[in-house]
Protein backbone atom coordinates (compact mmCIF):
# COMPACT_ATOMS: atom_id res chain seq x y z
CA MET A 1 25.53 -65.65 10.52
CA THR A 2 24.75 -69.24 11.49
CA ASN A 3 25.05 -72.61 9.78
CA HIS A 4 21.28 -72.49 9.20
CA THR A 5 21.81 -70.07 6.31
CA THR A 6 20.83 -71.68 3.01
CA VAL A 7 21.20 -70.77 -0.65
CA GLN A 8 18.16 -69.21 -2.27
CA ARG A 9 19.80 -68.20 -5.55
CA VAL A 10 23.36 -68.13 -6.89
CA LEU A 11 24.13 -64.83 -8.63
CA ASN A 12 27.71 -65.82 -9.46
CA ASN A 13 30.65 -67.68 -7.92
CA ASN A 14 31.20 -64.95 -5.33
CA VAL A 15 27.65 -63.78 -4.55
CA VAL A 16 24.53 -65.64 -3.43
CA VAL A 17 21.07 -64.69 -2.25
CA ALA A 18 20.42 -66.68 0.93
CA ASN A 19 17.76 -67.32 3.55
CA GLN A 20 18.71 -67.16 7.21
CA PHE A 21 17.19 -69.38 9.90
CA ASN A 22 14.63 -66.67 10.74
CA GLY A 23 13.45 -66.42 7.13
CA GLU A 24 15.29 -63.16 6.42
CA GLU A 25 16.66 -62.87 2.88
CA VAL A 26 20.24 -61.59 2.63
CA ILE A 27 22.94 -61.17 0.01
CA LEU A 28 26.23 -62.84 0.86
CA ILE A 29 29.61 -62.07 -0.67
CA GLY A 30 32.68 -64.26 -0.35
CA LYS A 31 35.42 -65.69 -2.54
CA GLY A 32 33.94 -68.78 -4.22
CA ILE A 33 30.86 -68.76 -1.94
CA GLY A 34 28.52 -69.63 -4.83
CA PHE A 35 30.74 -72.08 -6.70
CA GLY A 36 28.86 -75.32 -7.30
CA LYS A 37 26.10 -74.37 -4.87
CA LYS A 38 22.46 -75.29 -5.39
CA LYS A 39 19.25 -73.93 -3.89
CA GLY A 40 18.68 -75.18 -0.35
CA GLU A 41 22.32 -76.03 0.41
CA GLN A 42 23.79 -74.68 3.60
CA ILE A 43 26.54 -72.07 3.54
CA ALA A 44 29.62 -72.48 5.69
CA GLU A 45 30.09 -69.46 7.95
CA GLY A 46 33.80 -69.19 7.19
CA THR A 47 33.14 -68.55 3.49
CA VAL A 48 31.13 -65.35 4.11
CA GLU A 49 33.04 -62.06 3.88
CA LYS A 50 30.06 -59.69 3.90
CA VAL A 51 26.35 -59.88 4.67
CA TYR A 52 24.06 -57.33 3.00
CA ARG A 53 20.59 -57.24 4.45
CA LEU A 54 19.32 -54.43 2.22
CA GLU A 55 16.06 -54.11 4.13
CA ASP A 56 14.43 -51.99 1.45
CA ALA A 57 12.92 -54.42 -1.06
CA SER A 58 13.47 -52.19 -4.12
CA THR A 59 17.11 -51.60 -3.16
CA GLN A 60 17.67 -55.33 -2.78
CA GLU A 61 16.09 -56.04 -6.17
CA GLN A 62 18.25 -53.37 -7.83
CA TYR A 63 21.36 -54.93 -6.29
CA LYS A 64 20.37 -58.40 -7.49
CA GLN A 65 19.94 -57.07 -11.02
CA LEU A 66 23.23 -55.15 -10.97
CA LEU A 67 25.54 -57.88 -9.64
CA PRO A 68 25.23 -60.38 -12.53
CA GLN A 69 26.35 -57.62 -14.92
CA LEU A 70 29.65 -57.13 -13.10
CA ASN A 71 32.98 -58.92 -13.11
CA GLU A 72 33.04 -61.32 -10.14
CA GLU A 73 36.45 -60.14 -8.97
CA PHE A 74 35.21 -56.55 -9.12
CA ILE A 75 32.33 -57.39 -6.77
CA VAL A 76 34.74 -58.81 -4.18
CA PHE A 77 37.01 -55.79 -4.66
CA MET A 78 34.08 -53.39 -4.09
CA ASN A 79 33.34 -55.22 -0.85
CA HIS A 80 36.85 -54.26 0.33
CA ILE A 81 36.23 -50.68 -0.80
CA MET A 82 33.02 -50.45 1.25
CA HIS A 83 34.78 -51.87 4.30
CA HIS A 84 37.60 -49.32 3.89
CA ILE A 85 35.11 -46.42 3.67
CA GLU A 86 33.19 -47.58 6.76
CA THR A 87 36.42 -47.98 8.72
CA ARG A 88 37.86 -44.58 7.72
CA MET A 89 34.59 -42.68 8.16
CA GLU A 90 33.88 -44.49 11.44
CA SER A 91 30.26 -44.66 10.39
CA LYS A 92 27.81 -47.22 9.09
CA LEU A 93 26.95 -46.58 5.44
CA ASN A 94 23.46 -46.25 4.04
CA GLU A 95 22.68 -49.55 2.32
CA HIS A 96 21.86 -47.85 -1.00
CA VAL A 97 25.54 -46.89 -1.46
CA HIS A 98 26.32 -50.53 -2.24
CA ILE A 99 24.33 -50.10 -5.44
CA ALA A 100 25.06 -46.45 -6.22
CA LEU A 101 28.83 -46.48 -5.68
CA THR A 102 29.37 -49.93 -7.21
CA ASP A 103 27.40 -48.89 -10.30
CA HIS A 104 29.19 -45.53 -10.50
CA ILE A 105 32.71 -47.00 -10.28
CA ALA A 106 31.87 -49.77 -12.76
CA PHE A 107 30.61 -47.14 -15.22
CA ALA A 108 33.66 -44.91 -14.59
CA VAL A 109 35.99 -47.83 -15.35
CA LYS A 110 34.00 -48.61 -18.52
CA ARG A 111 34.18 -44.96 -19.64
CA LEU A 112 37.92 -44.88 -19.05
CA GLY A 113 38.35 -48.05 -21.11
CA GLU A 114 36.50 -46.32 -23.94
CA GLY A 115 38.72 -43.25 -23.69
CA LEU A 116 36.00 -41.04 -22.21
CA ASP A 117 36.70 -38.62 -19.37
CA PHE A 118 33.83 -36.88 -17.59
CA LYS A 119 34.99 -33.64 -15.97
CA ASN A 120 33.83 -32.75 -12.47
CA PRO A 121 33.09 -29.01 -12.46
CA PHE A 122 32.58 -28.92 -8.68
CA LEU A 123 35.83 -30.60 -7.60
CA LEU A 124 37.22 -27.66 -5.58
CA GLU A 125 33.86 -26.98 -3.93
CA ILE A 126 33.52 -30.65 -2.95
CA GLN A 127 37.04 -30.67 -1.50
CA SER A 128 36.21 -27.69 0.73
CA LEU A 129 32.68 -28.78 1.59
CA TYR A 130 33.45 -32.39 2.52
CA PRO A 131 37.17 -32.60 3.41
CA LYS A 132 37.01 -35.95 5.23
CA GLU A 133 34.95 -37.58 2.50
CA TYR A 134 37.33 -36.14 -0.11
CA GLU A 135 40.36 -37.55 1.72
CA VAL A 136 38.80 -41.02 1.89
CA ALA A 137 37.73 -40.76 -1.75
CA GLU A 138 41.36 -40.06 -2.70
CA GLU A 139 42.34 -43.29 -0.92
CA VAL A 140 39.57 -45.19 -2.72
CA VAL A 141 40.73 -43.89 -6.11
CA ARG A 142 44.30 -44.98 -5.33
CA MET A 143 42.98 -48.44 -4.40
CA ILE A 144 41.07 -48.60 -7.69
CA ASP A 145 44.13 -47.40 -9.63
CA ASP A 146 46.26 -50.15 -8.07
CA TRP A 147 43.60 -52.76 -8.83
CA LEU A 148 43.15 -51.62 -12.44
CA GLY A 149 46.77 -50.92 -13.19
CA TYR A 150 45.96 -47.48 -14.61
CA GLN A 151 44.65 -44.18 -13.25
CA LEU A 152 41.14 -42.83 -12.92
CA PRO A 153 40.83 -39.07 -13.60
CA ASP A 154 40.95 -36.77 -10.56
CA GLY A 155 37.33 -35.81 -11.11
CA GLU A 156 36.33 -39.23 -9.80
CA ILE A 157 37.60 -38.25 -6.35
CA GLY A 158 34.85 -35.64 -6.17
CA PHE A 159 32.15 -37.99 -7.47
CA ILE A 160 33.12 -40.70 -4.96
CA ALA A 161 33.29 -38.15 -2.11
CA ILE A 162 29.69 -37.19 -2.90
CA HIS A 163 28.61 -40.84 -2.71
CA ILE A 164 30.42 -41.23 0.62
CA HIS A 165 28.73 -38.12 2.02
CA SER A 166 25.38 -39.40 0.77
CA ALA A 167 25.99 -42.76 2.44
CA ILE A 168 26.72 -41.34 5.89
CA THR A 169 24.08 -38.59 5.89
CA ASP A 170 21.21 -40.38 4.09
CA LYS A 171 20.98 -37.45 1.67
CA LYS A 172 20.31 -38.09 -1.99
CA VAL A 173 23.26 -37.67 -4.36
CA ALA A 174 21.14 -35.39 -6.55
CA GLU A 175 20.48 -33.02 -3.61
CA ILE A 176 24.19 -32.88 -2.70
CA ASN A 177 25.11 -32.15 -6.32
CA GLN A 178 22.49 -29.38 -6.49
CA ASN A 179 23.91 -27.80 -3.34
CA SER A 180 27.46 -27.96 -4.75
CA GLU A 181 26.26 -26.33 -7.97
CA LEU A 182 24.49 -23.59 -6.02
CA ILE A 183 27.61 -22.88 -3.94
CA GLN A 184 29.68 -22.64 -7.11
CA GLN A 185 27.14 -20.18 -8.54
CA LEU A 186 27.22 -18.09 -5.36
CA THR A 187 31.02 -18.07 -5.39
CA THR A 188 31.03 -16.85 -9.00
CA VAL A 189 28.62 -14.03 -8.06
CA ILE A 190 30.84 -13.06 -5.12
CA GLU A 191 33.94 -12.89 -7.32
CA GLY A 192 32.09 -10.80 -9.92
CA GLN A 193 30.60 -8.37 -7.41
CA LEU A 194 33.79 -7.91 -5.37
CA PHE A 195 36.14 -7.96 -8.39
CA ILE A 196 38.35 -10.64 -6.85
CA GLN A 197 39.63 -14.12 -7.63
CA ILE A 198 39.13 -16.27 -4.55
CA ASP A 199 41.95 -18.64 -3.61
CA ARG A 200 40.14 -21.99 -3.41
CA GLN A 201 42.83 -23.29 -1.03
CA SER A 202 42.52 -20.44 1.47
CA VAL A 203 41.09 -20.71 4.97
CA ASP A 204 38.68 -17.84 4.26
CA TYR A 205 37.25 -19.66 1.23
CA HIS A 206 36.87 -22.85 3.26
CA ARG A 207 34.99 -20.93 5.97
CA LEU A 208 32.78 -19.24 3.38
CA VAL A 209 31.68 -22.44 1.61
CA GLN A 210 31.10 -24.20 4.92
CA HIS A 211 28.83 -21.34 5.97
CA LEU A 212 27.01 -21.42 2.64
CA ARG A 213 26.50 -25.18 3.01
CA ARG A 214 25.08 -24.77 6.49
CA ALA A 215 22.87 -21.90 5.33
CA ILE A 216 21.47 -24.10 2.54
CA GLU A 217 20.90 -26.95 5.00
CA ARG A 218 19.13 -24.59 7.42
CA ALA A 219 16.90 -23.41 4.57
CA HIS A 220 16.01 -27.02 3.68
CA LYS A 221 15.14 -27.71 7.32
CA GLN A 222 13.51 -24.30 7.81
CA GLU A 223 15.79 -23.52 10.74
CA GLY A 224 16.66 -19.95 11.72
CA LEU A 225 19.56 -18.16 13.39
CA GLY A 226 17.44 -16.13 15.80
CA GLY A 227 16.54 -13.09 13.73
CA ARG A 228 18.34 -9.83 12.93
CA ASN A 229 19.92 -7.80 15.75
CA LYS A 230 21.82 -4.56 16.36
CA LEU A 231 24.88 -5.95 14.59
CA ASP A 232 22.87 -5.91 11.38
CA GLU A 233 22.71 -2.10 11.36
CA VAL A 234 26.41 -1.79 12.24
CA LEU A 235 27.46 -4.06 9.37
CA LYS A 236 25.11 -2.28 6.97
CA GLU A 237 26.81 1.04 7.79
CA GLU A 238 30.40 -0.19 8.06
CA TYR A 239 30.48 -2.65 5.13
CA PRO A 240 27.74 -1.63 2.67
CA LEU A 241 29.28 -3.47 -0.31
CA CYS A 242 29.45 -6.83 1.46
CA TYR A 243 26.16 -6.27 3.27
CA ASN A 244 24.28 -5.62 0.03
CA LEU A 245 26.00 -8.57 -1.61
CA SER A 246 24.93 -10.82 1.25
CA TRP A 247 21.30 -9.97 0.52
CA LYS A 248 21.85 -10.67 -3.18
CA LEU A 249 23.17 -14.12 -2.25
CA ILE A 250 20.19 -14.77 0.02
CA LYS A 251 17.79 -13.93 -2.81
CA ILE A 252 19.63 -16.32 -5.15
CA MET A 253 19.39 -19.09 -2.55
CA GLN A 254 15.68 -18.44 -2.07
CA GLN A 255 15.09 -18.56 -5.81
CA LYS A 256 17.07 -21.76 -6.36
CA LEU A 257 15.86 -23.61 -3.28
CA GLN A 258 12.29 -22.32 -3.52
CA LYS A 259 12.42 -21.88 0.25
CA PRO A 260 12.74 -18.87 2.57
CA VAL A 261 16.22 -18.12 3.92
CA ASP A 262 16.53 -16.58 7.39
CA GLU A 263 17.34 -12.85 7.23
CA ALA A 264 19.94 -13.30 9.97
CA GLU A 265 22.11 -15.15 7.42
CA ALA A 266 23.00 -11.72 6.04
CA ILE A 267 24.96 -10.87 9.20
CA TYR A 268 27.25 -13.89 9.00
CA LEU A 269 27.59 -13.74 5.22
CA THR A 270 28.66 -10.09 5.45
CA ILE A 271 31.41 -11.01 7.92
CA HIS A 272 32.68 -13.84 5.69
CA LEU A 273 32.59 -11.64 2.59
CA GLN A 274 34.46 -8.82 4.32
CA ARG A 275 37.24 -11.24 5.24
CA LEU A 276 37.76 -11.94 1.55
CA ILE A 277 38.61 -8.32 0.76
CA SER A 278 40.24 -7.18 4.01
């Protein structure tokens, strides 16, 4: 930021679109930064709390359209939320999260005010799949609760964790949700085939879902584990139930992902499955 930054457009008292000295257009957030400002006026550096460059033109336009619809205090509050997430995750966030998460939380607050509560069917899977993101999302929900004066439903922790994971991995929220749904489906098949109820808080369950997540990611990237080996035949003979189930899971993944899954996944899946019943 320099004192050559000038107002291009005032979105509200706390947000302005500005031009920097090099001609770059940015979005600036700060308490009262837009109050009484007119196009072409310079912006004092000390009034700027956050600079959003939003290099993608469509993302920037979406953000410009979203901000005027929101409470001005909420925009400043969301700036603090984003800073908290970046600090706790020790990672720069994908710029699109400023739109996606802001819009999601604003809609969640609106729903709550209308007495609507959207359940999150993948909450336990998300907690095991993305423990750090889930922990930070819990903190974010507590911050929102304190700001609102009433509580968001627990399901929002999972939704926010997904947005955080999306922001640090550059994966689309839809893809992450599809993977969570697939893992839940696979878990249900496992329980049905092995006649067990898996403890979602157990270490073995955590290891299983982490392996399933990595297997799905490897399928997306078309990465392999090095092919089948002698251990494959040993597991097939020693643990036929879990070995056959592992192949059933691989076929489900292939069908849902519409991608081949490395045959060597069966070895590691068999080991994880056997742990569940040993």
